[in-house]
Amino acid sequence: MHKRVKFDFHISFTNGGHLNGEDFRLDIPGDDISDRDLADYIVADMRLLMVGEVRIFNKEIISEAHKRKTE
C-alpha cells in the first residue's frame, strides 16, 4: 500500500494574507516526510508565490492508494 500524509496547514504571505487547509492529503514517496519538506512540497505543488511562514499541524502518515496519476 502506498503512503499519504494527512495534515492541516497555515501559510502566511509576505504581501499580506494567508491560506489555511484542514485534513489536506498528499501522496508521499516514502514512509515519512519532514514538516520542512512537506511545506516545500505544498508551496511548489500549488505554485504559490510570496510565501512567508508555513506551519504544519496534525500530521499523520496513512496507508492509502495514491490518488495522483503518474505520467
N, C-alpha and C. Protein backbone atom coordinates (compact mmCIF):
# COMPACT_ATOMS: atom_id res chain seq x y z
N MET A 1 0.86 -1.19 0.00
CA MET A 1 0.00 0.00 0.00
C MET A 1 0.89 1.24 0.00
N HIS A 2 0.48 2.24 -0.72
CA HIS A 2 1.22 3.50 -0.78
C HIS A 2 0.98 4.32 0.47
N LYS A 3 1.82 5.32 0.67
CA LYS A 3 1.67 6.20 1.83
C LYS A 3 1.22 7.58 1.37
N ARG A 4 0.39 8.17 2.21
CA ARG A 4 -0.05 9.55 2.02
C ARG A 4 0.10 10.24 3.36
N VAL A 5 0.13 11.55 3.33
CA VAL A 5 0.18 12.31 4.55
C VAL A 5 -1.09 13.16 4.64
N LYS A 6 -1.72 13.13 5.82
CA LYS A 6 -2.92 13.94 6.09
C LYS A 6 -2.51 14.98 7.12
N PHE A 7 -2.86 16.24 6.89
CA PHE A 7 -2.37 17.30 7.76
C PHE A 7 -3.21 18.57 7.60
N ASP A 8 -3.00 19.49 8.52
CA ASP A 8 -3.54 20.84 8.44
C ASP A 8 -2.35 21.77 8.21
N PHE A 9 -2.62 22.92 7.60
CA PHE A 9 -1.52 23.87 7.39
C PHE A 9 -2.02 25.31 7.44
N HIS A 10 -1.07 26.20 7.69
CA HIS A 10 -1.30 27.65 7.65
C HIS A 10 -0.12 28.26 6.90
N ILE A 11 -0.41 28.97 5.82
CA ILE A 11 0.62 29.62 5.02
C ILE A 11 0.38 31.12 5.08
N SER A 12 1.41 31.87 5.51
CA SER A 12 1.36 33.33 5.52
C SER A 12 2.13 33.84 4.30
N PHE A 13 1.62 34.91 3.71
CA PHE A 13 2.26 35.51 2.55
C PHE A 13 2.94 36.81 2.93
N THR A 14 4.07 37.08 2.30
CA THR A 14 4.86 38.26 2.63
C THR A 14 4.17 39.56 2.20
N ASN A 15 3.22 39.46 1.25
CA ASN A 15 2.50 40.66 0.82
C ASN A 15 1.12 40.77 1.48
N GLY A 16 0.91 40.00 2.54
CA GLY A 16 -0.34 40.03 3.29
C GLY A 16 -1.21 38.82 2.99
N GLY A 17 -2.08 38.50 3.91
CA GLY A 17 -3.00 37.39 3.74
C GLY A 17 -2.41 36.05 4.15
N HIS A 18 -3.26 35.05 4.11
CA HIS A 18 -2.85 33.71 4.49
C HIS A 18 -3.77 32.68 3.83
N LEU A 19 -3.37 31.44 3.90
CA LEU A 19 -4.13 30.32 3.35
C LEU A 19 -4.10 29.21 4.39
N ASN A 20 -5.27 28.66 4.71
CA ASN A 20 -5.37 27.55 5.65
C ASN A 20 -5.93 26.31 4.94
N GLY A 21 -5.49 25.16 5.38
CA GLY A 21 -6.02 23.90 4.87
C GLY A 21 -6.23 22.93 6.02
N GLU A 22 -7.32 22.18 5.97
CA GLU A 22 -7.63 21.19 7.00
C GLU A 22 -7.85 19.83 6.36
N ASP A 23 -7.31 18.80 7.00
CA ASP A 23 -7.43 17.42 6.51
C ASP A 23 -6.98 17.29 5.05
N PHE A 24 -5.94 18.05 4.72
CA PHE A 24 -5.35 18.02 3.38
C PHE A 24 -4.58 16.72 3.24
N ARG A 25 -4.60 16.11 2.08
CA ARG A 25 -3.88 14.84 1.85
C ARG A 25 -3.00 14.96 0.62
N LEU A 26 -1.79 14.44 0.74
CA LEU A 26 -0.85 14.41 -0.37
C LEU A 26 -0.17 13.05 -0.43
N ASP A 27 0.10 12.61 -1.64
CA ASP A 27 0.90 11.40 -1.82
C ASP A 27 2.33 11.70 -1.42
N ILE A 28 3.00 10.74 -0.78
CA ILE A 28 4.42 10.90 -0.47
C ILE A 28 5.18 9.69 -1.01
N PRO A 29 6.44 9.90 -1.35
CA PRO A 29 7.20 8.82 -1.97
C PRO A 29 7.70 7.73 -1.02
N GLY A 30 7.75 8.00 0.27
CA GLY A 30 8.27 7.02 1.22
C GLY A 30 7.33 6.82 2.38
N ASP A 31 7.91 6.45 3.53
CA ASP A 31 7.11 6.19 4.73
C ASP A 31 6.97 7.39 5.65
N ASP A 32 7.65 8.49 5.36
CA ASP A 32 7.61 9.68 6.22
C ASP A 32 8.03 10.89 5.41
N ILE A 33 7.73 12.07 5.92
CA ILE A 33 8.16 13.33 5.31
C ILE A 33 8.30 14.35 6.42
N SER A 34 9.37 15.13 6.38
CA SER A 34 9.58 16.16 7.41
C SER A 34 8.61 17.32 7.18
N ASP A 35 8.36 18.09 8.22
CA ASP A 35 7.49 19.26 8.08
C ASP A 35 8.06 20.23 7.06
N ARG A 36 9.38 20.42 7.06
CA ARG A 36 10.02 21.33 6.11
C ARG A 36 9.83 20.85 4.67
N ASP A 37 10.06 19.57 4.43
CA ASP A 37 9.87 19.02 3.08
C ASP A 37 8.40 19.09 2.67
N LEU A 38 7.51 18.84 3.61
CA LEU A 38 6.08 18.93 3.32
C LEU A 38 5.69 20.36 2.96
N ALA A 39 6.19 21.33 3.71
CA ALA A 39 5.93 22.73 3.42
C ALA A 39 6.43 23.10 2.03
N ASP A 40 7.65 22.67 1.69
CA ASP A 40 8.21 22.94 0.37
C ASP A 40 7.36 22.29 -0.72
N TYR A 41 6.89 21.09 -0.46
CA TYR A 41 6.06 20.34 -1.41
C TYR A 41 4.75 21.09 -1.68
N ILE A 42 4.09 21.56 -0.62
CA ILE A 42 2.83 22.29 -0.77
C ILE A 42 3.03 23.55 -1.61
N VAL A 43 4.04 24.32 -1.26
CA VAL A 43 4.31 25.58 -1.95
C VAL A 43 4.59 25.33 -3.43
N ALA A 44 5.43 24.35 -3.74
CA ALA A 44 5.77 24.05 -5.13
C ALA A 44 4.56 23.48 -5.88
N ASP A 45 3.85 22.54 -5.25
CA ASP A 45 2.73 21.88 -5.91
C ASP A 45 1.59 22.85 -6.20
N MET A 46 1.38 23.82 -5.32
CA MET A 46 0.31 24.79 -5.51
C MET A 46 0.80 26.03 -6.27
N ARG A 47 2.10 26.04 -6.59
CA ARG A 47 2.72 27.15 -7.33
C ARG A 47 2.48 28.49 -6.65
N LEU A 48 2.69 28.52 -5.34
CA LEU A 48 2.47 29.73 -4.56
C LEU A 48 3.69 30.64 -4.63
N LEU A 49 3.43 31.93 -4.63
CA LEU A 49 4.49 32.94 -4.65
C LEU A 49 4.37 33.80 -3.40
N MET A 50 5.43 34.50 -3.08
CA MET A 50 5.45 35.45 -1.96
C MET A 50 5.11 34.76 -0.63
N VAL A 51 5.58 33.53 -0.46
CA VAL A 51 5.28 32.76 0.75
C VAL A 51 6.22 33.17 1.87
N GLY A 52 5.65 33.41 3.03
CA GLY A 52 6.43 33.69 4.22
C GLY A 52 6.56 32.42 5.04
N GLU A 53 5.85 32.35 6.14
CA GLU A 53 5.91 31.18 7.02
C GLU A 53 4.89 30.12 6.62
N VAL A 54 5.30 28.86 6.74
CA VAL A 54 4.40 27.73 6.54
C VAL A 54 4.43 26.90 7.82
N ARG A 55 3.26 26.70 8.41
CA ARG A 55 3.17 25.87 9.62
C ARG A 55 2.33 24.64 9.32
N ILE A 56 2.81 23.50 9.80
CA ILE A 56 2.15 22.21 9.61
C ILE A 56 1.61 21.75 10.96
N PHE A 57 0.36 21.26 10.98
CA PHE A 57 -0.26 20.78 12.21
C PHE A 57 -0.88 19.40 11.96
N ASN A 58 -1.00 18.63 13.01
CA ASN A 58 -1.76 17.37 12.99
C ASN A 58 -1.35 16.43 11.85
N LYS A 59 -0.05 16.33 11.62
CA LYS A 59 0.45 15.48 10.53
C LYS A 59 0.30 14.01 10.90
N GLU A 60 -0.25 13.24 9.97
CA GLU A 60 -0.44 11.80 10.17
C GLU A 60 -0.13 11.08 8.87
N ILE A 61 0.74 10.08 8.93
CA ILE A 61 1.05 9.27 7.77
C ILE A 61 0.02 8.14 7.71
N ILE A 62 -0.61 7.98 6.56
CA ILE A 62 -1.64 6.96 6.42
C ILE A 62 -1.32 6.05 5.23
N SER A 63 -1.79 4.82 5.31
CA SER A 63 -1.66 3.87 4.21
C SER A 63 -2.91 3.97 3.36
N GLU A 64 -2.71 4.42 2.13
CA GLU A 64 -3.84 4.64 1.25
C GLU A 64 -3.29 4.71 -0.17
N ALA A 65 -4.03 4.22 -1.11
CA ALA A 65 -3.57 4.27 -2.51
C ALA A 65 -3.35 5.71 -2.95
N HIS A 66 -2.29 5.93 -3.73
CA HIS A 66 -2.03 7.26 -4.26
C HIS A 66 -3.17 7.68 -5.19
N LYS A 67 -3.51 8.94 -5.14
CA LYS A 67 -4.60 9.49 -5.95
C LYS A 67 -4.09 10.17 -7.22
N ARG A 68 -2.86 10.65 -7.17
CA ARG A 68 -2.30 11.38 -8.29
C ARG A 68 -1.95 10.42 -9.42
N LYS A 69 -2.27 10.80 -10.62
CA LYS A 69 -1.93 9.99 -11.77
C LYS A 69 -0.45 10.17 -12.07
N THR A 70 0.22 9.08 -12.34
CA THR A 70 1.64 9.15 -12.69
C THR A 70 1.76 9.24 -14.21
N GLU A 71 2.75 10.00 -14.63
CA GLU A 71 2.97 10.16 -16.07
C GLU A 71 4.04 9.23 -16.54
